[in-house]
């Protein structure tokens, strides 16, 4: 039965770009991550300004905000969660590294624009999105099923219209309902965004994996043309 479920889930991942939701972290582990994040948030180099950018000098002084796995043991432990790692390996193969690990915090009413993470425009990979605190369907992530197969240039047209037809297929957003401690895996090029329509601030853990031999990079800005940091992000080997 487990093999059948895994096969069905992999078929869904390949066709639609994401897995079903699954339980992966205990309440105590979620609390530990939330508390560690709040204690250490100012240790990291975060985007600043408008448009958002990351001064390279900041990276010489503090760790990149997506490298929490290199500083916080509880994040590194979460990256090795068996329920997550099994799905990552099924998606991209047995030899895996984690290069991105961060917390996203969204206040009530706060939106995050539709996008594909720019790091994954130059490096194939997958992302695990896990509810850490006050996660509920109204504050979870939204995705566009099947959009990982579309040309990146179509994303702007989709954002302008909210729906796009391509080769006879309509692409429309879908909410992935999650609770705290639950997560799902999605393809690195799947379009995604969020709107926290709940009345509570929520925290999510974002873990990003690639196959060994990939070349992940740290962006210094998020709008074209992209500039890249000279040094790569720290990677955590998930192979064993």
C-alpha atoms as a PDB file:
ATOM      1  CA  UNK A   1       0.000   0.000   0.000  1.00  0.00           C
ATOM      2  CA  UNK A   2       2.814   2.458   0.900  1.00  0.00           C
ATOM      3  CA  UNK A   3       4.488   1.821  -2.468  1.00  0.00           C
ATOM      4  CA  UNK A   4       1.175   2.461  -4.250  1.00  0.00           C
ATOM      5  CA  UNK A   5       0.673   5.727  -2.348  1.00  0.00           C
ATOM      6  CA  UNK A   6       4.233   6.808  -3.152  1.00  0.00           C
ATOM      7  CA  UNK A   7       3.724   6.036  -6.849  1.00  0.00           C
ATOM      8  CA  UNK A   8       0.420   7.943  -6.982  1.00  0.00           C
ATOM      9  CA  UNK A   9       1.970  10.894  -5.167  1.00  0.00           C
ATOM     10  CA  UNK A  10       4.920  10.950  -7.565  1.00  0.00           C
ATOM     11  CA  UNK A  11       2.542  10.915 -10.544  1.00  0.00           C
ATOM     12  CA  UNK A  12       0.721  13.914  -9.047  1.00  0.00           C
ATOM     13  CA  UNK A  13       4.008  15.695  -8.436  1.00  0.00           C
ATOM     14  CA  UNK A  14       5.161  15.228 -12.020  1.00  0.00           C
ATOM     15  CA  UNK A  15       1.823  16.243 -13.548  1.00  0.00           C
ATOM     16  CA  UNK A  16       0.695  19.037 -11.221  1.00  0.00           C
ATOM     17  CA  UNK A  17       3.989  20.113  -9.638  1.00  0.00           C
ATOM     18  CA  UNK A  18       3.271  19.400  -5.973  1.00  0.00           C
ATOM     19  CA  UNK A  19       2.484  16.592  -3.496  1.00  0.00           C
ATOM     20  CA  UNK A  20      -0.457  16.192  -1.173  1.00  0.00           C
ATOM     21  CA  UNK A  21      -0.112  17.609   2.351  1.00  0.00           C
ATOM     22  CA  UNK A  22       1.510  15.348   4.938  1.00  0.00           C
ATOM     23  CA  UNK A  23       2.371  15.504   8.635  1.00  0.00           C
ATOM     24  CA  UNK A  24       6.092  15.953   9.210  1.00  0.00           C
ATOM     25  CA  UNK A  25       6.943  17.878  12.408  1.00  0.00           C
ATOM     26  CA  UNK A  26       5.750  17.445  15.983  1.00  0.00           C
ATOM     27  CA  UNK A  27       4.195  20.346  17.934  1.00  0.00           C
ATOM     28  CA  UNK A  28       7.286  20.541  20.168  1.00  0.00           C
ATOM     29  CA  UNK A  29       9.628  20.711  17.156  1.00  0.00           C
ATOM     30  CA  UNK A  30       7.493  23.465  15.631  1.00  0.00           C
ATOM     31  CA  UNK A  31       7.634  25.447  18.880  1.00  0.00           C
ATOM     32  CA  UNK A  32      11.409  25.010  19.069  1.00  0.00           C
ATOM     33  CA  UNK A  33      11.834  26.313  15.499  1.00  0.00           C
ATOM     34  CA  UNK A  34       9.549  29.312  16.161  1.00  0.00           C
ATOM     35  CA  UNK A  35      11.392  30.212  19.357  1.00  0.00           C
ATOM     36  CA  UNK A  36      14.819  29.805  17.725  1.00  0.00           C
ATOM     37  CA  UNK A  37      13.743  31.993  14.819  1.00  0.00           C
ATOM     38  CA  UNK A  38      12.605  34.802  17.110  1.00  0.00           C
ATOM     39  CA  UNK A  39      15.813  34.658  19.175  1.00  0.00           C
ATOM     40  CA  UNK A  40      18.114  34.628  16.151  1.00  0.00           C
ATOM     41  CA  UNK A  41      16.298  36.571  13.417  1.00  0.00           C
ATOM     42  CA  UNK A  42      18.644  39.535  13.616  1.00  0.00           C
ATOM     43  CA  UNK A  43      21.688  37.322  13.114  1.00  0.00           C
ATOM     44  CA  UNK A  44      20.869  36.952   9.395  1.00  0.00           C
ATOM     45  CA  UNK A  45      21.237  39.156   6.329  1.00  0.00           C
ATOM     46  CA  UNK A  46      17.697  39.912   5.071  1.00  0.00           C
ATOM     47  CA  UNK A  47      16.526  41.747   1.940  1.00  0.00           C
ATOM     48  CA  UNK A  48      16.141  45.474   2.395  1.00  0.00           C
ATOM     49  CA  UNK A  49      14.933  48.542   0.524  1.00  0.00           C
ATOM     50  CA  UNK A  50      12.533  48.940  -2.384  1.00  0.00           C
ATOM     51  CA  UNK A  51      12.924  47.239  -4.732  1.00  0.00           C
ATOM     52  CA  UNK A  52      14.228  44.520  -2.429  1.00  0.00           C
ATOM     53  CA  UNK A  53      17.941  43.842  -2.617  1.00  0.00           C
ATOM     54  CA  UNK A  54      20.648  42.228  -0.519  1.00  0.00           C
ATOM     55  CA  UNK A  55      23.838  44.275  -0.145  1.00  0.00           C
ATOM     56  CA  UNK A  56      26.822  41.995  -0.675  1.00  0.00           C
ATOM     57  CA  UNK A  57      28.585  43.632   2.252  1.00  0.00           C
ATOM     58  CA  UNK A  58      25.809  42.278   4.496  1.00  0.00           C
ATOM     59  CA  UNK A  59      26.745  38.727   3.491  1.00  0.00           C
ATOM     60  CA  UNK A  60      30.293  39.323   4.681  1.00  0.00           C
ATOM     61  CA  UNK A  61      28.927  40.273   8.098  1.00  0.00           C
ATOM     62  CA  UNK A  62      25.990  37.904   8.607  1.00  0.00           C
ATOM     63  CA  UNK A  63      24.700  34.593   7.195  1.00  0.00           C
ATOM     64  CA  UNK A  64      22.226  34.688   4.284  1.00  0.00           C
ATOM     65  CA  UNK A  65      18.626  34.563   5.520  1.00  0.00           C
ATOM     66  CA  UNK A  66      18.112  31.270   3.661  1.00  0.00           C
ATOM     67  CA  UNK A  67      21.015  29.566   5.429  1.00  0.00           C
ATOM     68  CA  UNK A  68      19.325  29.046   8.807  1.00  0.00           C
ATOM     69  CA  UNK A  69      20.173  25.343   8.512  1.00  0.00           C
ATOM     70  CA  UNK A  70      23.842  26.262   8.976  1.00  0.00           C
ATOM     71  CA  UNK A  71      23.143  28.159  12.219  1.00  0.00           C
ATOM     72  CA  UNK A  72      20.057  26.660  13.872  1.00  0.00           C
ATOM     73  CA  UNK A  73      20.262  22.910  14.688  1.00  0.00           C
ATOM     74  CA  UNK A  74      16.470  22.607  14.855  1.00  0.00           C
ATOM     75  CA  UNK A  75      16.200  23.726  11.210  1.00  0.00           C
ATOM     76  CA  UNK A  76      18.918  21.274  10.122  1.00  0.00           C
ATOM     77  CA  UNK A  77      17.036  18.538  11.981  1.00  0.00           C
ATOM     78  CA  UNK A  78      13.778  19.448  10.233  1.00  0.00           C
ATOM     79  CA  UNK A  79      15.563  19.257   6.855  1.00  0.00           C
ATOM     80  CA  UNK A  80      16.287  15.587   7.606  1.00  0.00           C
ATOM     81  CA  UNK A  81      12.656  14.761   8.477  1.00  0.00           C
ATOM     82  CA  UNK A  82      12.040  11.281   6.961  1.00  0.00           C
ATOM     83  CA  UNK A  83       8.644  12.242   5.511  1.00  0.00           C
ATOM     84  CA  UNK A  84      10.225  15.173   3.694  1.00  0.00           C
ATOM     85  CA  UNK A  85      13.447  13.463   2.616  1.00  0.00           C
ATOM     86  CA  UNK A  86      11.629  10.441   1.173  1.00  0.00           C
ATOM     87  CA  UNK A  87       9.579  12.674  -1.089  1.00  0.00           C
ATOM     88  CA  UNK A  88      12.589  14.783  -2.059  1.00  0.00           C
ATOM     89  CA  UNK A  89      14.516  11.678  -3.099  1.00  0.00           C
ATOM     90  CA  UNK A  90      11.569  10.380  -5.089  1.00  0.00           C
ATOM     91  CA  UNK A  91      11.451  13.714  -6.907  1.00  0.00           C
ATOM     92  CA  UNK A  92      15.133  14.412  -7.636  1.00  0.00           C
ATOM     93  CA  UNK A  93      17.117  11.271  -6.802  1.00  0.00           C
ATOM     94  CA  UNK A  94      19.004   9.728  -3.870  1.00  0.00           C
ATOM     95  CA  UNK A  95      21.943  12.146  -3.593  1.00  0.00           C
ATOM     96  CA  UNK A  96      20.540  15.357  -2.178  1.00  0.00           C
ATOM     97  CA  UNK A  97      21.790  18.594  -0.623  1.00  0.00           C
ATOM     98  CA  UNK A  98      19.844  21.282   1.199  1.00  0.00           C
ATOM     99  CA  UNK A  99      21.002  24.780   0.254  1.00  0.00           C
ATOM    100  CA  UNK A 100      18.063  26.877   1.448  1.00  0.00           C
ATOM    101  CA  UNK A 101      16.433  26.885   4.864  1.00  0.00           C
ATOM    102  CA  UNK A 102      14.470  29.861   6.176  1.00  0.00           C
ATOM    103  CA  UNK A 103      11.361  31.013   8.009  1.00  0.00           C
ATOM    104  CA  UNK A 104       8.731  33.109   6.261  1.00  0.00           C
ATOM    105  CA  UNK A 105       6.573  35.284   8.496  1.00  0.00           C
ATOM    106  CA  UNK A 106       3.316  36.759   7.182  1.00  0.00           C
ATOM    107  CA  UNK A 107       1.187  39.237   9.109  1.00  0.00           C
ATOM    108  CA  UNK A 108      -2.639  39.275   8.807  1.00  0.00           C
ATOM    109  CA  UNK A 109      -3.534  40.682   5.411  1.00  0.00           C
ATOM    110  CA  UNK A 110       0.038  40.405   4.099  1.00  0.00           C
ATOM    111  CA  UNK A 111       0.477  39.068   0.564  1.00  0.00           C
ATOM    112  CA  UNK A 112       3.498  37.650  -1.225  1.00  0.00           C
ATOM    113  CA  UNK A 113       3.455  38.149  -4.975  1.00  0.00           C
ATOM    114  CA  UNK A 114       3.161  35.291  -7.450  1.00  0.00           C
ATOM    115  CA  UNK A 115       6.659  34.161  -8.291  1.00  0.00           C
ATOM    116  CA  UNK A 116       9.190  31.410  -8.869  1.00  0.00           C
ATOM    117  CA  UNK A 117      12.167  31.570  -6.522  1.00  0.00           C
ATOM    118  CA  UNK A 118      14.944  33.143  -8.547  1.00  0.00           C
ATOM    119  CA  UNK A 119      17.548  30.714  -7.189  1.00  0.00           C
ATOM    120  CA  UNK A 120      15.693  27.899  -8.918  1.00  0.00           C
ATOM    121  CA  UNK A 121      15.880  29.642 -12.276  1.00  0.00           C
ATOM    122  CA  UNK A 122      19.561  28.618 -12.434  1.00  0.00           C
ATOM    123  CA  UNK A 123      19.467  25.433 -10.340  1.00  0.00           C
ATOM    124  CA  UNK A 124      16.913  22.608 -10.547  1.00  0.00           C
ATOM    125  CA  UNK A 125      15.373  21.612  -7.235  1.00  0.00           C
ATOM    126  CA  UNK A 126      12.333  21.220  -5.016  1.00  0.00           C
ATOM    127  CA  UNK A 127      10.888  23.144  -2.080  1.00  0.00           C
ATOM    128  CA  UNK A 128       9.243  21.881   1.105  1.00  0.00           C
ATOM    129  CA  UNK A 129       6.778  24.295   2.716  1.00  0.00           C
ATOM    130  CA  UNK A 130       5.900  23.435   6.346  1.00  0.00           C
ATOM    131  CA  UNK A 131       3.557  25.160   8.778  1.00  0.00           C
ATOM    132  CA  UNK A 132       5.342  26.155  12.000  1.00  0.00           C
ATOM    133  CA  UNK A 133       2.966  28.473  13.857  1.00  0.00           C
ATOM    134  CA  UNK A 134      -0.664  29.530  13.328  1.00  0.00           C
ATOM    135  CA  UNK A 135      -0.812  27.770   9.978  1.00  0.00           C
ATOM    136  CA  UNK A 136      -4.308  27.209   8.620  1.00  0.00           C
ATOM    137  CA  UNK A 137      -5.791  27.036   5.116  1.00  0.00           C
ATOM    138  CA  UNK A 138      -6.460  30.780   5.062  1.00  0.00           C
ATOM    139  CA  UNK A 139      -2.765  31.540   5.682  1.00  0.00           C
ATOM    140  CA  UNK A 140      -1.198  28.724   3.673  1.00  0.00           C
ATOM    141  CA  UNK A 141       0.444  28.791   0.255  1.00  0.00           C
ATOM    142  CA  UNK A 142      -1.333  29.051  -3.099  1.00  0.00           C
ATOM    143  CA  UNK A 143       0.024  27.394  -6.244  1.00  0.00           C
ATOM    144  CA  UNK A 144      -0.818  27.223  -9.945  1.00  0.00           C
ATOM    145  CA  UNK A 145      -1.040  23.485 -10.775  1.00  0.00           C
ATOM    146  CA  UNK A 146       0.986  22.478 -13.815  1.00  0.00           C
ATOM    147  CA  UNK A 147       2.733  25.851 -14.115  1.00  0.00           C
ATOM    148  CA  UNK A 148       6.174  24.251 -13.637  1.00  0.00           C
ATOM    149  CA  UNK A 149       5.871  23.091 -17.252  1.00  0.00           C
ATOM    150  CA  UNK A 150       5.262  26.567 -18.666  1.00  0.00           C
ATOM    151  CA  UNK A 151       7.774  29.012 -20.060  1.00  0.00           C
ATOM    152  CA  UNK A 152       8.880  31.585 -17.449  1.00  0.00           C
ATOM    153  CA  UNK A 153       7.788  34.399 -19.760  1.00  0.00           C
ATOM    154  CA  UNK A 154       4.152  33.356 -19.294  1.00  0.00           C
ATOM    155  CA  UNK A 155       4.260  34.153 -15.565  1.00  0.00           C
ATOM    156  CA  UNK A 156       3.979  37.904 -16.140  1.00  0.00           C
ATOM    157  CA  UNK A 157       0.971  37.455 -18.426  1.00  0.00           C
ATOM    158  CA  UNK A 158      -0.644  35.213 -15.821  1.00  0.00           C
ATOM    159  CA  UNK A 159      -0.043  37.733 -13.007  1.00  0.00           C
ATOM    160  CA  UNK A 160      -1.711  40.453 -15.080  1.00  0.00           C
ATOM    161  CA  UNK A 161      -4.851  38.403 -15.768  1.00  0.00           C
ATOM    162  CA  UNK A 162      -5.141  35.958 -12.858  1.00  0.00           C
ATOM    163  CA  UNK A 163      -5.781  33.110 -15.280  1.00  0.00           C
ATOM    164  CA  UNK A 164      -4.092  31.995 -18.458  1.00  0.00           C
ATOM    165  CA  UNK A 165      -4.893  29.508 -21.180  1.00  0.00           C
ATOM    166  CA  UNK A 166      -2.012  27.824 -22.942  1.00  0.00           C
ATOM    167  CA  UNK A 167      -2.318  25.106 -25.579  1.00  0.00           C
ATOM    168  CA  UNK A 168      -5.919  24.467 -24.594  1.00  0.00           C
ATOM    169  CA  UNK A 169      -5.278  24.247 -20.829  1.00  0.00           C
ATOM    170  CA  UNK A 170      -6.537  26.781 -18.286  1.00  0.00           C
ATOM    171  CA  UNK A 171      -4.200  27.526 -15.380  1.00  0.00           C
ATOM    172  CA  UNK A 172      -5.825  28.836 -12.190  1.00  0.00           C
ATOM    173  CA  UNK A 173      -4.636  29.197  -8.567  1.00  0.00           C
ATOM    174  CA  UNK A 174      -5.257  26.565  -5.920  1.00  0.00           C
ATOM    175  CA  UNK A 175      -4.910  26.821  -2.148  1.00  0.00           C
ATOM    176  CA  UNK A 176      -2.962  24.048  -0.373  1.00  0.00           C
ATOM    177  CA  UNK A 177      -4.720  23.700   3.008  1.00  0.00           C
ATOM    178  CA  UNK A 178      -2.179  23.102   5.775  1.00  0.00           C
ATOM    179  CA  UNK A 179      -2.150  23.068   9.556  1.00  0.00           C
ATOM    180  CA  UNK A 180       0.815  23.584  11.857  1.00  0.00           C
ATOM    181  CA  UNK A 181       3.210  20.634  11.566  1.00  0.00           C
ATOM    182  CA  UNK A 182       2.003  19.749   8.068  1.00  0.00           C
ATOM    183  CA  UNK A 183       3.836  20.397   4.828  1.00  0.00           C
ATOM    184  CA  UNK A 184       3.960  19.661   1.138  1.00  0.00           C
ATOM    185  CA  UNK A 185       6.627  19.476  -1.543  1.00  0.00           C
ATOM    186  CA  UNK A 186       6.555  21.428  -4.793  1.00  0.00           C
ATOM    187  CA  UNK A 187       8.614  21.687  -7.956  1.00  0.00           C
ATOM    188  CA  UNK A 188      11.167  24.499  -7.957  1.00  0.00           C
ATOM    189  CA  UNK A 189       9.563  26.165 -10.978  1.00  0.00           C
ATOM    190  CA  UNK A 190       5.946  25.963  -9.794  1.00  0.00           C
ATOM    191  CA  UNK A 191       4.300  29.385  -9.584  1.00  0.00           C
ATOM    192  CA  UNK A 192       3.284  30.179  -6.021  1.00  0.00           C
ATOM    193  CA  UNK A 193       2.237  33.039  -3.777  1.00  0.00           C
ATOM    194  CA  UNK A 194       0.309  33.710  -0.589  1.00  0.00           C
ATOM    195  CA  UNK A 195      -2.187  35.952   1.161  1.00  0.00           C
ATOM    196  CA  UNK A 196      -2.598  35.609   4.903  1.00  0.00           C
ATOM    197  CA  UNK A 197      -6.328  36.200   5.225  1.00  0.00           C
ATOM    198  CA  UNK A 198      -6.406  34.917   8.818  1.00  0.00           C
ATOM    199  CA  UNK A 199      -6.295  37.194  11.866  1.00  0.00           C
ATOM    200  CA  UNK A 200      -2.973  35.806  13.142  1.00  0.00           C
ATOM    201  CA  UNK A 201       0.659  36.141  12.142  1.00  0.00           C
ATOM    202  CA  UNK A 202       1.872  32.819  10.766  1.00  0.00           C
ATOM    203  CA  UNK A 203       5.282  31.197  10.406  1.00  0.00           C
ATOM    204  CA  UNK A 204       6.308  28.662   7.774  1.00  0.00           C
ATOM    205  CA  UNK A 205       9.559  26.786   7.258  1.00  0.00           C
ATOM    206  CA  UNK A 206      10.853  26.771   3.680  1.00  0.00           C
ATOM    207  CA  UNK A 207      13.434  24.098   2.808  1.00  0.00           C
ATOM    208  CA  UNK A 208      15.038  23.978  -0.644  1.00  0.00           C
ATOM    209  CA  UNK A 209      16.877  20.953  -2.021  1.00  0.00           C
ATOM    210  CA  UNK A 210      18.823  20.075  -5.151  1.00  0.00           C
ATOM    211  CA  UNK A 211      20.743  17.069  -6.400  1.00  0.00           C
ATOM    212  CA  UNK A 212      24.419  16.829  -5.566  1.00  0.00           C
ATOM    213  CA  UNK A 213      26.448  18.522  -8.252  1.00  0.00           C
ATOM    214  CA  UNK A 214      23.973  21.381  -8.674  1.00  0.00           C
ATOM    215  CA  UNK A 215      25.266  24.932  -8.447  1.00  0.00           C
ATOM    216  CA  UNK A 216      22.969  26.933  -6.137  1.00  0.00           C
ATOM    217  CA  UNK A 217      23.683  30.654  -5.926  1.00  0.00           C
ATOM    218  CA  UNK A 218      22.711  33.574  -3.700  1.00  0.00           C
ATOM    219  CA  UNK A 219      20.811  36.375  -5.480  1.00  0.00           C
ATOM    220  CA  UNK A 220      21.479  39.988  -4.545  1.00  0.00           C
ATOM    221  CA  UNK A 221      18.176  41.195  -6.025  1.00  0.00           C
ATOM    222  CA  UNK A 222      14.892  39.704  -7.257  1.00  0.00           C
ATOM    223  CA  UNK A 223      14.061  41.629 -10.432  1.00  0.00           C
ATOM    224  CA  UNK A 224      15.831  41.352 -13.774  1.00  0.00           C
ATOM    225  CA  UNK A 225      18.711  41.624 -14.328  1.00  0.00           C
ATOM    226  CA  UNK A 226      19.654  39.343 -11.442  1.00  0.00           C
ATOM    227  CA  UNK A 227      22.997  39.913  -9.744  1.00  0.00           C
ATOM    228  CA  UNK A 228      24.616  37.046  -7.856  1.00  0.00           C
ATOM    229  CA  UNK A 229      26.874  36.864  -4.817  1.00  0.00           C
ATOM    230  CA  UNK A 230      30.418  35.655  -5.397  1.00  0.00           C
ATOM    231  CA  UNK A 231      30.158  32.852  -2.823  1.00  0.00           C
ATOM    232  CA  UNK A 232      27.679  29.939  -2.918  1.00  0.00           C
ATOM    233  CA  UNK A 233      25.284  29.191  -0.046  1.00  0.00           C
ATOM    234  CA  UNK A 234      26.288  26.655   2.613  1.00  0.00           C
ATOM    235  CA  UNK A 235      24.926  23.193   1.782  1.00  0.00           C
ATOM    236  CA  UNK A 236      23.820  20.376   4.056  1.00  0.00           C
ATOM    237  CA  UNK A 237      24.363  16.837   2.728  1.00  0.00           C
ATOM    238  CA  UNK A 238      21.126  14.838   3.045  1.00  0.00           C
ATOM    239  CA  UNK A 239      22.443  11.732   1.258  1.00  0.00           C
ATOM    240  CA  UNK A 240      22.916   9.447   4.257  1.00  0.00           C
END
